[in-house]
Amino acid sequence: MQGRAVTAEQRRWHDLLVNEVGCIACRHDGRGVNTYCSIHHVDGRTKRHAHWYVLPLCGPHHQTGGEGVALHHNKARFVARYGTEADLLAECAKILAVEGHEIPAAFHAWLDGPEVMA
């Protein structure tokens, strides 16, 4: 799927989420920090905030299922087990803030923005 190009600042945000938070669903399952993740775009890839509004998810929790509950495979089941994407995104930001990481202002600007459709 085509979308907006990722800026260097957005790439750093993605890397911070993956390397410090890891798969947020694995954390909920008590598996600790799983950094073998990809970035899930919560509200598509074409909107202005697309690359800020993202979640770090491992393959089984993102696309494939397997032992996990995959977001793309069964969103209702995923949300019932782990919470809404908006709640998980806020949780990721809180984890980073508690660990002393600076949360980008651009992320904050979009988190509560009217265009976000989580």
PDB file of N, CA and C in Angstrom:
ATOM      1  N   MET A   1       0.836  -1.167   0.000  1.00  0.00           N
ATOM      2  CA  MET A   1       0.000   0.000   0.000  1.00  0.00           C
ATOM      3  C   MET A   1       0.886   1.236   0.000  1.00  0.00           C
ATOM      4  N   GLN A   2       0.574   2.177  -0.871  1.00  0.00           N
ATOM      5  CA  GLN A   2       1.327   3.425  -0.923  1.00  0.00           C
ATOM      6  C   GLN A   2       0.871   4.339   0.194  1.00  0.00           C
ATOM      7  N   GLY A   3       1.751   5.163   0.644  1.00  0.00           N
ATOM      8  CA  GLY A   3       1.411   6.115   1.694  1.00  0.00           C
ATOM      9  C   GLY A   3       2.416   7.240   1.703  1.00  0.00           C
ATOM     10  N   ARG A   4       2.356   8.019   2.729  1.00  0.00           N
ATOM     11  CA  ARG A   4       3.297   9.128   2.892  1.00  0.00           C
ATOM     12  C   ARG A   4       4.687   8.589   3.233  1.00  0.00           C
ATOM     13  N   ALA A   5       5.699   9.324   2.823  1.00  0.00           N
ATOM     14  CA  ALA A   5       7.069   8.941   3.155  1.00  0.00           C
ATOM     15  C   ALA A   5       7.310   9.172   4.650  1.00  0.00           C
ATOM     16  N   VAL A   6       8.095   8.302   5.247  1.00  0.00           N
ATOM     17  CA  VAL A   6       8.430   8.410   6.669  1.00  0.00           C
ATOM     18  C   VAL A   6       9.585   9.394   6.827  1.00  0.00           C
ATOM     19  N   THR A   7       9.433  10.360   7.722  1.00  0.00           N
ATOM     20  CA  THR A   7      10.506  11.318   7.983  1.00  0.00           C
ATOM     21  C   THR A   7      11.530  10.693   8.932  1.00  0.00           C
ATOM     22  N   ALA A   8      12.676  11.322   9.048  1.00  0.00           N
ATOM     23  CA  ALA A   8      13.709  10.828   9.969  1.00  0.00           C
ATOM     24  C   ALA A   8      13.203  10.849  11.412  1.00  0.00           C
ATOM     25  N   GLU A   9      12.454  11.878  11.780  1.00  0.00           N
ATOM     26  CA  GLU A   9      11.925  11.959  13.146  1.00  0.00           C
ATOM     27  C   GLU A   9      10.909  10.840  13.404  1.00  0.00           C
ATOM     28  N   GLN A  10      10.087  10.550  12.413  1.00  0.00           N
ATOM     29  CA  GLN A  10       9.120   9.458  12.553  1.00  0.00           C
ATOM     30  C   GLN A  10       9.828   8.110  12.636  1.00  0.00           C
ATOM     31  N   ARG A  11      10.883   7.939  11.865  1.00  0.00           N
ATOM     32  CA  ARG A  11      11.657   6.697  11.913  1.00  0.00           C
ATOM     33  C   ARG A  11      12.264   6.501  13.304  1.00  0.00           C
ATOM     34  N   ARG A  12      12.769   7.575  13.895  1.00  0.00           N
ATOM     35  CA  ARG A  12      13.306   7.488  15.262  1.00  0.00           C
ATOM     36  C   ARG A  12      12.201   7.101  16.248  1.00  0.00           C
ATOM     37  N   TRP A  13      11.002   7.621  16.055  1.00  0.00           N
ATOM     38  CA  TRP A  13       9.858   7.262  16.903  1.00  0.00           C
ATOM     39  C   TRP A  13       9.552   5.775  16.774  1.00  0.00           C
ATOM     40  N   HIS A  14       9.523   5.279  15.550  1.00  0.00           N
ATOM     41  CA  HIS A  14       9.269   3.850  15.323  1.00  0.00           C
ATOM     42  C   HIS A  14      10.341   3.000  15.996  1.00  0.00           C
ATOM     43  N   ASP A  15      11.591   3.384  15.807  1.00  0.00           N
ATOM     44  CA  ASP A  15      12.700   2.631  16.406  1.00  0.00           C
ATOM     45  C   ASP A  15      12.611   2.635  17.933  1.00  0.00           C
ATOM     46  N   LEU A  16      12.254   3.765  18.512  1.00  0.00           N
ATOM     47  CA  LEU A  16      12.113   3.861  19.961  1.00  0.00           C
ATOM     48  C   LEU A  16      11.003   2.936  20.453  1.00  0.00           C
ATOM     49  N   LEU A  17       9.871   2.936  19.768  1.00  0.00           N
ATOM     50  CA  LEU A  17       8.766   2.052  20.149  1.00  0.00           C
ATOM     51  C   LEU A  17       9.183   0.587  20.090  1.00  0.00           C
ATOM     52  N   VAL A  18       9.802   0.201  18.990  1.00  0.00           N
ATOM     53  CA  VAL A  18      10.191  -1.206  18.810  1.00  0.00           C
ATOM     54  C   VAL A  18      11.267  -1.612  19.812  1.00  0.00           C
ATOM     55  N   ASN A  19      12.296  -0.798  19.955  1.00  0.00           N
ATOM     56  CA  ASN A  19      13.442  -1.180  20.785  1.00  0.00           C
ATOM     57  C   ASN A  19      13.206  -1.044  22.287  1.00  0.00           C
ATOM     58  N   GLU A  20      12.348  -0.140  22.697  1.00  0.00           N
ATOM     59  CA  GLU A  20      12.142   0.093  24.129  1.00  0.00           C
ATOM     60  C   GLU A  20      10.831  -0.488  24.655  1.00  0.00           C
ATOM     61  N   VAL A  21       9.777  -0.433  23.864  1.00  0.00           N
ATOM     62  CA  VAL A  21       8.487  -0.984  24.290  1.00  0.00           C
ATOM     63  C   VAL A  21       8.359  -2.422  23.812  1.00  0.00           C
ATOM     64  N   GLY A  22       8.739  -2.665  22.565  1.00  0.00           N
ATOM     65  CA  GLY A  22       8.534  -3.989  21.984  1.00  0.00           C
ATOM     66  C   GLY A  22       7.060  -4.212  21.707  1.00  0.00           C
ATOM     67  N   CYS A  23       6.707  -5.424  21.393  1.00  0.00           N
ATOM     68  CA  CYS A  23       5.311  -5.747  21.090  1.00  0.00           C
ATOM     69  C   CYS A  23       4.453  -5.475  22.324  1.00  0.00           C
ATOM     70  N   ILE A  24       3.538  -4.531  22.199  1.00  0.00           N
ATOM     71  CA  ILE A  24       2.714  -4.157  23.343  1.00  0.00           C
ATOM     72  C   ILE A  24       1.777  -5.294  23.747  1.00  0.00           C
ATOM     73  N   ALA A  25       1.352  -6.112  22.810  1.00  0.00           N
ATOM     74  CA  ALA A  25       0.488  -7.255  23.142  1.00  0.00           C
ATOM     75  C   ALA A  25       1.278  -8.328  23.894  1.00  0.00           C
ATOM     76  N   CYS A  26       2.517  -8.569  23.494  1.00  0.00           N
ATOM     77  CA  CYS A  26       3.362  -9.526  24.229  1.00  0.00           C
ATOM     78  C   CYS A  26       3.554  -9.070  25.670  1.00  0.00           C
ATOM     79  N   ARG A  27       3.723  -7.761  25.870  1.00  0.00           N
ATOM     80  CA  ARG A  27       3.839  -7.233  27.233  1.00  0.00           C
ATOM     81  C   ARG A  27       2.594  -7.570  28.041  1.00  0.00           C
ATOM     82  N   HIS A  28       1.437  -7.413  27.423  1.00  0.00           N
ATOM     83  CA  HIS A  28       0.181  -7.731  28.114  1.00  0.00           C
ATOM     84  C   HIS A  28       0.098  -9.213  28.451  1.00  0.00           C
ATOM     85  N   ASP A  29       0.686 -10.036  27.611  1.00  0.00           N
ATOM     86  CA  ASP A  29       0.677 -11.484  27.845  1.00  0.00           C
ATOM     87  C   ASP A  29       1.746 -11.917  28.843  1.00  0.00           C
ATOM     88  N   GLY A  30       2.520 -10.963  29.370  1.00  0.00           N
ATOM     89  CA  GLY A  30       3.549 -11.281  30.348  1.00  0.00           C
ATOM     90  C   GLY A  30       4.820 -11.843  29.748  1.00  0.00           C
ATOM     91  N   ARG A  31       5.041 -11.612  28.472  1.00  0.00           N
ATOM     92  CA  ARG A  31       6.225 -12.147  27.787  1.00  0.00           C
ATOM     93  C   ARG A  31       7.411 -11.196  27.798  1.00  0.00           C
ATOM     94  N   GLY A  32       7.282 -10.072  28.447  1.00  0.00           N
ATOM     95  CA  GLY A  32       8.386  -9.121  28.486  1.00  0.00           C
ATOM     96  C   GLY A  32       8.491  -8.323  27.206  1.00  0.00           C
ATOM     97  N   VAL A  33       9.689  -7.829  26.937  1.00  0.00           N
ATOM     98  CA  VAL A  33       9.919  -6.963  25.784  1.00  0.00           C
ATOM     99  C   VAL A  33      10.365  -7.807  24.594  1.00  0.00           C
ATOM    100  N   ASN A  34       9.496  -7.925  23.608  1.00  0.00           N
ATOM    101  CA  ASN A  34       9.793  -8.640  22.371  1.00  0.00           C
ATOM    102  C   ASN A  34      10.056  -7.593  21.295  1.00  0.00           C
ATOM    103  N   THR A  35      11.329  -7.408  20.936  1.00  0.00           N
ATOM    104  CA  THR A  35      11.685  -6.375  19.965  1.00  0.00           C
ATOM    105  C   THR A  35      11.660  -6.868  18.524  1.00  0.00           C
ATOM    106  N   TYR A  36      11.247  -8.104  18.319  1.00  0.00           N
ATOM    107  CA  TYR A  36      11.109  -8.609  16.952  1.00  0.00           C
ATOM    108  C   TYR A  36       9.716  -8.206  16.471  1.00  0.00           C
ATOM    109  N   CYS A  37       9.591  -6.939  16.082  1.00  0.00           N
ATOM    110  CA  CYS A  37       8.289  -6.337  15.782  1.00  0.00           C
ATOM    111  C   CYS A  37       8.297  -5.621  14.445  1.00  0.00           C
ATOM    112  N   SER A  38       7.096  -5.328  14.022  1.00  0.00           N
ATOM    113  CA  SER A  38       6.891  -4.406  12.917  1.00  0.00           C
ATOM    114  C   SER A  38       6.005  -3.278  13.430  1.00  0.00           C
ATOM    115  N   ILE A  39       5.802  -2.292  12.607  1.00  0.00           N
ATOM    116  CA  ILE A  39       4.992  -1.138  12.978  1.00  0.00           C
ATOM    117  C   ILE A  39       3.605  -1.291  12.360  1.00  0.00           C
ATOM    118  N   HIS A  40       2.589  -1.213  13.212  1.00  0.00           N
ATOM    119  CA  HIS A  40       1.194  -1.237  12.760  1.00  0.00           C
ATOM    120  C   HIS A  40       0.688   0.198  12.693  1.00  0.00           C
ATOM    121  N   HIS A  41       0.222   0.607  11.522  1.00  0.00           N
ATOM    122  CA  HIS A  41      -0.343   1.942  11.344  1.00  0.00           C
ATOM    123  C   HIS A  41      -1.809   1.904  11.759  1.00  0.00           C
ATOM    124  N   VAL A  42      -2.132   2.578  12.837  1.00  0.00           N
ATOM    125  CA  VAL A  42      -3.463   2.513  13.430  1.00  0.00           C
ATOM    126  C   VAL A  42      -4.519   3.120  12.511  1.00  0.00           C
ATOM    127  N   ASP A  43      -4.199   4.184  11.831  1.00  0.00           N
ATOM    128  CA  ASP A  43      -5.190   4.913  11.038  1.00  0.00           C
ATOM    129  C   ASP A  43      -4.757   5.026   9.577  1.00  0.00           C
ATOM    130  N   GLY A  44      -4.240   3.939   9.019  1.00  0.00           N
ATOM    131  CA  GLY A  44      -3.812   3.952   7.622  1.00  0.00           C
ATOM    132  C   GLY A  44      -2.434   4.565   7.447  1.00  0.00           C
ATOM    133  N   ARG A  45      -2.035   4.708   6.181  1.00  0.00           N
ATOM    134  CA  ARG A  45      -0.694   5.228   5.879  1.00  0.00           C
ATOM    135  C   ARG A  45      -0.709   6.520   5.077  1.00  0.00           C
ATOM    136  N   THR A  46      -1.880   7.053   4.794  1.00  0.00           N
ATOM    137  CA  THR A  46      -1.941   8.211   3.911  1.00  0.00           C
ATOM    138  C   THR A  46      -2.291   9.513   4.618  1.00  0.00           C
ATOM    139  N   LYS A  47      -2.793   9.455   5.817  1.00  0.00           N
ATOM    140  CA  LYS A  47      -3.147  10.679   6.540  1.00  0.00           C
ATOM    141  C   LYS A  47      -1.893  11.336   7.098  1.00  0.00           C
ATOM    142  N   ARG A  48      -2.011  12.626   7.409  1.00  0.00           N
ATOM    143  CA  ARG A  48      -0.835  13.377   7.853  1.00  0.00           C
ATOM    144  C   ARG A  48      -0.213  12.801   9.117  1.00  0.00           C
ATOM    145  N   HIS A  49      -1.005  12.216   9.975  1.00  0.00           N
ATOM    146  CA  HIS A  49      -0.494  11.676  11.237  1.00  0.00           C
ATOM    147  C   HIS A  49      -0.149  10.188  11.147  1.00  0.00           C
ATOM    148  N   ALA A  50      -0.238   9.601   9.981  1.00  0.00           N
ATOM    149  CA  ALA A  50      -0.140   8.144   9.815  1.00  0.00           C
ATOM    150  C   ALA A  50       1.098   7.530  10.466  1.00  0.00           C
ATOM    151  N   HIS A  51       2.238   8.159  10.339  1.00  0.00           N
ATOM    152  CA  HIS A  51       3.477   7.563  10.849  1.00  0.00           C
ATOM    153  C   HIS A  51       3.758   7.921  12.311  1.00  0.00           C
ATOM    154  N   TRP A  52       2.887   8.706  12.923  1.00  0.00           N
ATOM    155  CA  TRP A  52       2.985   8.962  14.363  1.00  0.00           C
ATOM    156  C   TRP A  52       2.079   8.020  15.123  1.00  0.00           C
ATOM    157  N   TYR A  53       0.946   7.696  14.541  1.00  0.00           N
ATOM    158  CA  TYR A  53      -0.084   6.913  15.218  1.00  0.00           C
ATOM    159  C   TYR A  53       0.133   5.443  14.889  1.00  0.00           C
ATOM    160  N   VAL A  54       1.156   4.857  15.526  1.00  0.00           N
ATOM    161  CA  VAL A  54       1.579   3.487  15.214  1.00  0.00           C
ATOM    162  C   VAL A  54       1.787   2.682  16.496  1.00  0.00           C
ATOM    163  N   LEU A  55       1.666   1.377  16.357  1.00  0.00           N
ATOM    164  CA  LEU A  55       1.907   0.458  17.473  1.00  0.00           C
ATOM    165  C   LEU A  55       2.994  -0.537  17.101  1.00  0.00           C
ATOM    166  N   PRO A  56       3.871  -0.887  18.042  1.00  0.00           N
ATOM    167  CA  PRO A  56       4.832  -1.962  17.798  1.00  0.00           C
ATOM    168  C   PRO A  56       4.162  -3.307  18.091  1.00  0.00           C
ATOM    169  N   LEU A  57       4.101  -4.167  17.082  1.00  0.00           N
ATOM    170  CA  LEU A  57       3.490  -5.489  17.240  1.00  0.00           C
ATOM    171  C   LEU A  57       4.359  -6.549  16.581  1.00  0.00           C
ATOM    172  N   CYS A  58       4.480  -7.703  17.226  1.00  0.00           N
ATOM    173  CA  CYS A  58       5.192  -8.836  16.625  1.00  0.00           C
ATOM    174  C   CYS A  58       4.303  -9.446  15.534  1.00  0.00           C
ATOM    175  N   GLY A  59       4.866 -10.317  14.727  1.00  0.00           N
ATOM    176  CA  GLY A  59       4.115 -10.954  13.646  1.00  0.00           C
ATOM    177  C   GLY A  59       2.835 -11.636  14.097  1.00  0.00           C
ATOM    178  N   PRO A  60       2.898 -12.509  15.110  1.00  0.00           N
ATOM    179  CA  PRO A  60       1.674 -13.181  15.549  1.00  0.00           C
ATOM    180  C   PRO A  60       0.589 -12.228  16.059  1.00  0.00           C
ATOM    181  N   HIS A  61       0.968 -11.126  16.671  1.00  0.00           N
ATOM    182  CA  HIS A  61      -0.039 -10.181  17.157  1.00  0.00           C
ATOM    183  C   HIS A  61      -0.457  -9.168  16.093  1.00  0.00           C
ATOM    184  N   HIS A  62       0.351  -9.018  15.055  1.00  0.00           N
ATOM    185  CA  HIS A  62       0.038  -8.052  14.010  1.00  0.00           C
ATOM    186  C   HIS A  62      -0.779  -8.692  12.893  1.00  0.00           C
ATOM    187  N   GLN A  63      -0.251  -9.747  12.287  1.00  0.00           N
ATOM    188  CA  GLN A  63      -0.856 -10.278  11.073  1.00  0.00           C
ATOM    189  C   GLN A  63      -1.214 -11.752  11.117  1.00  0.00           C
ATOM    190  N   THR A  64      -0.379 -12.564  11.730  1.00  0.00           N
ATOM    191  CA  THR A  64      -0.476 -14.003  11.473  1.00  0.00           C
ATOM    192  C   THR A  64      -1.286 -14.811  12.461  1.00  0.00           C
ATOM    193  N   GLY A  65      -1.478 -14.334  13.654  1.00  0.00           N
ATOM    194  CA  GLY A  65      -2.222 -15.130  14.638  1.00  0.00           C
ATOM    195  C   GLY A  65      -1.303 -16.095  15.344  1.00  0.00           C
ATOM    196  N   GLY A  66      -1.338 -17.363  14.964  1.00  0.00           N
ATOM    197  CA  GLY A  66      -0.513 -18.353  15.648  1.00  0.00           C
ATOM    198  C   GLY A  66      -0.959 -18.467  17.092  1.00  0.00           C
ATOM    199  N   GLU A  67      -0.017 -18.359  18.023  1.00  0.00           N
ATOM    200  CA  GLU A  67      -0.355 -18.436  19.445  1.00  0.00           C
ATOM    201  C   GLU A  67      -0.980 -17.140  19.952  1.00  0.00           C
ATOM    202  N   GLY A  68      -0.779 -16.060  19.234  1.00  0.00           N
ATOM    203  CA  GLY A  68      -1.329 -14.779  19.659  1.00  0.00           C
ATOM    204  C   GLY A  68      -2.676 -14.505  19.015  1.00  0.00           C
ATOM    205  N   VAL A  69      -3.241 -13.387  19.355  1.00  0.00           N
ATOM    206  CA  VAL A  69      -4.474 -12.917  18.739  1.00  0.00           C
ATOM    207  C   VAL A  69      -4.065 -11.790  17.809  1.00  0.00           C
ATOM    208  N   ALA A  70      -4.162 -12.006  16.504  1.00  0.00           N
ATOM    209  CA  ALA A  70      -3.668 -11.029  15.538  1.00  0.00           C
ATOM    210  C   ALA A  70      -4.680  -9.916  15.295  1.00  0.00           C
ATOM    211  N   LEU A  71      -4.195  -8.699  15.312  1.00  0.00           N
ATOM    212  CA  LEU A  71      -5.030  -7.529  15.089  1.00  0.00           C
ATOM    213  C   LEU A  71      -5.713  -7.578  13.726  1.00  0.00           C
ATOM    214  N   HIS A  72      -4.952  -7.869  12.674  1.00  0.00           N
ATOM    215  CA  HIS A  72      -5.543  -7.885  11.333  1.00  0.00           C
ATOM    216  C   HIS A  72      -6.389  -9.123  11.091  1.00  0.00           C
ATOM    217  N   HIS A  73      -6.132 -10.174  11.820  1.00  0.00           N
ATOM    218  CA  HIS A  73      -6.888 -11.417  11.637  1.00  0.00           C
ATOM    219  C   HIS A  73      -8.256 -11.338  12.310  1.00  0.00           C
ATOM    220  N   ASN A  74      -8.316 -10.762  13.508  1.00  0.00           N
ATOM    221  CA  ASN A  74      -9.576 -10.675  14.249  1.00  0.00           C
ATOM    222  C   ASN A  74      -9.505  -9.476  15.195  1.00  0.00           C
ATOM    223  N   LYS A  75      -9.826  -8.307  14.652  1.00  0.00           N
ATOM    224  CA  LYS A  75      -9.678  -7.066  15.422  1.00  0.00           C
ATOM    225  C   LYS A  75     -10.537  -7.071  16.690  1.00  0.00           C
ATOM    226  N   ALA A  76     -11.768  -7.554  16.604  1.00  0.00           N
ATOM    227  CA  ALA A  76     -12.652  -7.552  17.777  1.00  0.00           C
ATOM    228  C   ALA A  76     -12.061  -8.391  18.910  1.00  0.00           C
ATOM    229  N   ARG A  77     -11.519  -9.531  18.567  1.00  0.00           N
ATOM    230  CA  ARG A  77     -10.904 -10.399  19.578  1.00  0.00           C
ATOM    231  C   ARG A  77      -9.643  -9.754  20.162  1.00  0.00           C
ATOM    232  N   PHE A  78      -8.853  -9.130  19.303  1.00  0.00           N
ATOM    233  CA  PHE A  78      -7.645  -8.435  19.747  1.00  0.00           C
ATOM    234  C   PHE A  78      -8.014  -7.328  20.739  1.00  0.00           C
ATOM    235  N   VAL A  79      -8.993  -6.507  20.381  1.00  0.00           N
ATOM    236  CA  VAL A  79      -9.407  -5.396  21.242  1.00  0.00           C
ATOM    237  C   VAL A  79      -9.970  -5.912  22.562  1.00  0.00           C
ATOM    238  N   ALA A  80     -10.738  -6.991  22.507  1.00  0.00           N
ATOM    239  CA  ALA A  80     -11.296  -7.561  23.739  1.00  0.00           C
ATOM    240  C   ALA A  80     -10.191  -8.033  24.680  1.00  0.00           C
ATOM    241  N   ARG A  81      -9.111  -8.537  24.106  1.00  0.00           N
ATOM    242  CA  ARG A  81      -8.027  -9.075  24.932  1.00  0.00           C
ATOM    243  C   ARG A  81      -7.043  -8.007  25.401  1.00  0.00           C
ATOM    244  N   TYR A  82      -6.702  -7.062  24.514  1.00  0.00           N
ATOM    245  CA  TYR A  82      -5.618  -6.118  24.812  1.00  0.00           C
ATOM    246  C   TYR A  82      -6.063  -4.669  24.998  1.00  0.00           C
ATOM    247  N   GLY A  83      -7.248  -4.322  24.560  1.00  0.00           N
ATOM    248  CA  GLY A  83      -7.720  -2.942  24.629  1.00  0.00           C
ATOM    249  C   GLY A  83      -7.714  -2.305  23.253  1.00  0.00           C
ATOM    250  N   THR A  84      -8.236  -1.098  23.186  1.00  0.00           N
ATOM    251  CA  THR A  84      -8.301  -0.402  21.903  1.00  0.00           C
ATOM    252  C   THR A  84      -6.905   0.016  21.453  1.00  0.00           C
ATOM    253  N   GLU A  85      -6.780   0.269  20.177  1.00  0.00           N
ATOM    254  CA  GLU A  85      -5.504   0.724  19.647  1.00  0.00           C
ATOM    255  C   GLU A  85      -5.117   2.063  20.273  1.00  0.00           C
ATOM    256  N   ALA A  86      -6.090   2.938  20.482  1.00  0.00           N
ATOM    257  CA  ALA A  86      -5.803   4.235  21.104  1.00  0.00           C
ATOM    258  C   ALA A  86      -5.282   4.050  22.528  1.00  0.00           C
ATOM    259  N   ASP A  87      -5.892   3.145  23.273  1.00  0.00           N
ATOM    260  CA  ASP A  87      -5.421   2.877  24.641  1.00  0.00           C
ATOM    261  C   ASP A  87      -4.013   2.290  24.638  1.00  0.00           C
ATOM    262  N   LEU A  88      -3.743   1.383  23.708  1.00  0.00           N
ATOM    263  CA  LEU A  88      -2.412   0.773  23.623  1.00  0.00           C
ATOM    264  C   LEU A  88      -1.364   1.805  23.223  1.00  0.00           C
ATOM    265  N   LEU A  89      -1.739   2.709  22.331  1.00  0.00           N
ATOM    266  CA  LEU A  89      -0.817   3.760  21.915  1.00  0.00           C
ATOM    267  C   LEU A  89      -0.476   4.671  23.091  1.00  0.00           C
ATOM    268  N   ALA A  90      -1.478   5.053  23.857  1.00  0.00           N
ATOM    269  CA  ALA A  90      -1.232   5.877  25.048  1.00  0.00           C
ATOM    270  C   ALA A  90      -0.365   5.125  26.053  1.00  0.00           C
ATOM    271  N   GLU A  91      -0.585   3.820  26.169  1.00  0.00           N
ATOM    272  CA  GLU A  91       0.225   3.004  27.076  1.00  0.00           C
ATOM    273  C   GLU A  91       1.685   2.965  26.627  1.00  0.00           C
ATOM    274  N   CYS A  92       1.913   2.833  25.331  1.00  0.00           N
ATOM    275  CA  CYS A  92       3.287   2.843  24.805  1.00  0.00           C
ATOM    276  C   CYS A  92       3.982   4.155  25.162  1.00  0.00           C
ATOM    277  N   ALA A  93       3.289   5.268  24.961  1.00  0.00           N
ATOM    278  CA  ALA A  93       3.870   6.575  25.275  1.00  0.00           C
ATOM    279  C   ALA A  93       4.170   6.687  26.767  1.00  0.00           C
ATOM    280  N   LYS A  94       3.286   6.166  27.594  1.00  0.00           N
ATOM    281  CA  LYS A  94       3.497   6.217  29.046  1.00  0.00           C
ATOM    282  C   LYS A  94       4.714   5.392  29.449  1.00  0.00           C
ATOM    283  N   ILE A  95       4.860   4.206  28.866  1.00  0.00           N
ATOM    284  CA  ILE A  95       6.024   3.358  29.156  1.00  0.00           C
ATOM    285  C   ILE A  95       7.307   4.114  28.833  1.00  0.00           C
ATOM    286  N   LEU A  96       7.338   4.745  27.660  1.00  0.00           N
ATOM    287  CA  LEU A  96       8.533   5.484  27.251  1.00  0.00           C
ATOM    288  C   LEU A  96       8.798   6.674  28.174  1.00  0.00           C
ATOM    289  N   ALA A  97       7.750   7.390  28.540  1.00  0.00           N
ATOM    290  CA  ALA A  97       7.918   8.554  29.419  1.00  0.00           C
ATOM    291  C   ALA A  97       8.438   8.133  30.790  1.00  0.00           C
ATOM    292  N   VAL A  98       7.898   7.055  31.339  1.00  0.00           N
ATOM    293  CA  VAL A  98       8.345   6.558  32.647  1.00  0.00           C
ATOM    294  C   VAL A  98       9.813   6.149  32.595  1.00  0.00           C
ATOM    295  N   GLU A  99      10.243   5.618  31.453  1.00  0.00           N
ATOM    296  CA  GLU A  99      11.639   5.208  31.287  1.00  0.00           C
ATOM    297  C   GLU A  99      12.552   6.390  30.976  1.00  0.00           C
ATOM    298  N   GLY A 100      11.995   7.596  30.921  1.00  0.00           N
ATOM    299  CA  GLY A 100      12.802   8.793  30.724  1.00  0.00           C
ATOM    300  C   GLY A 100      13.005   9.220  29.288  1.00  0.00           C
ATOM    301  N   HIS A 101      12.284   8.634  28.368  1.00  0.00           N
ATOM    302  CA  HIS A 101      12.409   9.016  26.961  1.00  0.00           C
ATOM    303  C   HIS A 101      11.509  10.207  26.655  1.00  0.00           C
ATOM    304  N   GLU A 102      11.992  11.065  25.789  1.00  0.00           N
ATOM    305  CA  GLU A 102      11.204  12.216  25.367  1.00  0.00           C
ATOM    306  C   GLU A 102      10.199  11.773  24.307  1.00  0.00           C
ATOM    307  N   ILE A 103       8.958  12.149  24.496  1.00  0.00           N
ATOM    308  CA  ILE A 103       7.906  11.832  23.531  1.00  0.00           C
ATOM    309  C   ILE A 103       7.828  12.996  22.550  1.00  0.00           C
ATOM    310  N   PRO A 104       7.938  12.739  21.249  1.00  0.00           N
ATOM    311  CA  PRO A 104       7.941  13.829  20.270  1.00  0.00           C
ATOM    312  C   PRO A 104       6.676  14.686  20.341  1.00  0.00           C
ATOM    313  N   ALA A 105       6.859  15.984  20.226  1.00  0.00           N
ATOM    314  CA  ALA A 105       5.725  16.911  20.248  1.00  0.00           C
ATOM    315  C   ALA A 105       4.747  16.603  19.120  1.00  0.00           C
ATOM    316  N   ALA A 106       5.266  16.186  17.984  1.00  0.00           N
ATOM    317  CA  ALA A 106       4.390  15.873  16.849  1.00  0.00           C
ATOM    318  C   ALA A 106       3.468  14.699  17.171  1.00  0.00           C
ATOM    319  N   PHE A 107       3.950  13.749  17.958  1.00  0.00           N
ATOM    320  CA  PHE A 107       3.098  12.635  18.384  1.00  0.00           C
ATOM    321  C   PHE A 107       1.974  13.154  19.272  1.00  0.00           C
ATOM    322  N   HIS A 108       2.312  13.986  20.249  1.00  0.00           N
ATOM    323  CA  HIS A 108       1.295  14.548  21.141  1.00  0.00           C
ATOM    324  C   HIS A 108       0.250  15.339  20.364  1.00  0.00           C
ATOM    325  N   ALA A 109       0.689  16.055  19.349  1.00  0.00           N
ATOM    326  CA  ALA A 109      -0.238  16.866  18.560  1.00  0.00           C
ATOM    327  C   ALA A 109      -1.290  16.004  17.876  1.00  0.00           C
ATOM    328  N   TRP A 110      -0.895  14.805  17.488  1.00  0.00           N
ATOM    329  CA  TRP A 110      -1.832  13.927  16.783  1.00  0.00           C
ATOM    330  C   TRP A 110      -2.595  12.999  17.707  1.00  0.00           C
ATOM    331  N   LEU A 111      -2.086  12.721  18.870  1.00  0.00           N
ATOM    332  CA  LEU A 111      -2.726  11.746  19.757  1.00  0.00           C
ATOM    333  C   LEU A 111      -4.179  12.095  20.050  1.00  0.00           C
ATOM    334  N   ASP A 112      -4.453  13.349  20.310  1.00  0.00           N
ATOM    335  CA  ASP A 112      -5.819  13.759  20.636  1.00  0.00           C
ATOM    336  C   ASP A 112      -6.470  14.557  19.512  1.00  0.00           C
ATOM    337  N   GLY A 113      -5.879  14.498  18.334  1.00  0.00           N
ATOM    338  CA  GLY A 113      -6.389  15.287  17.222  1.00  0.00           C
ATOM    339  C   GLY A 113      -7.735  14.811  16.692  1.00  0.00           C
ATOM    340  N   PRO A 114      -8.490  15.711  16.066  1.00  0.00           N
ATOM    341  CA  PRO A 114      -9.819  15.373  15.567  1.00  0.00           C
ATOM    342  C   PRO A 114      -9.804  14.432  14.368  1.00  0.00           C
ATOM    343  N   GLU A 115      -8.682  14.335  13.665  1.00  0.00           N
ATOM    344  CA  GLU A 115      -8.621  13.492  12.475  1.00  0.00           C
ATOM    345  C   GLU A 115      -8.343  12.027  12.794  1.00  0.00           C
ATOM    346  N   VAL A 116      -7.951  11.728  14.003  1.00  0.00           N
ATOM    347  CA  VAL A 116      -7.561  10.366  14.355  1.00  0.00           C
ATOM    348  C   VAL A 116      -8.798   9.506  14.543  1.00  0.00           C
ATOM    349  N   MET A 117      -8.774   8.335  13.905  1.00  0.00           N
ATOM    350  CA  MET A 117      -9.950   7.462  13.899  1.00  0.00           C
ATOM    351  C   MET A 117      -9.617   6.078  14.438  1.00  0.00           C
ATOM    352  N   ALA A 118      -9.230   5.943  15.681  1.00  0.00           N
ATOM    353  CA  ALA A 118      -8.872   4.622  16.203  1.00  0.00           C
ATOM    354  C   ALA A 118     -10.086   3.903  16.726  1.00  0.00           C
TER     355      ALA A 118
END
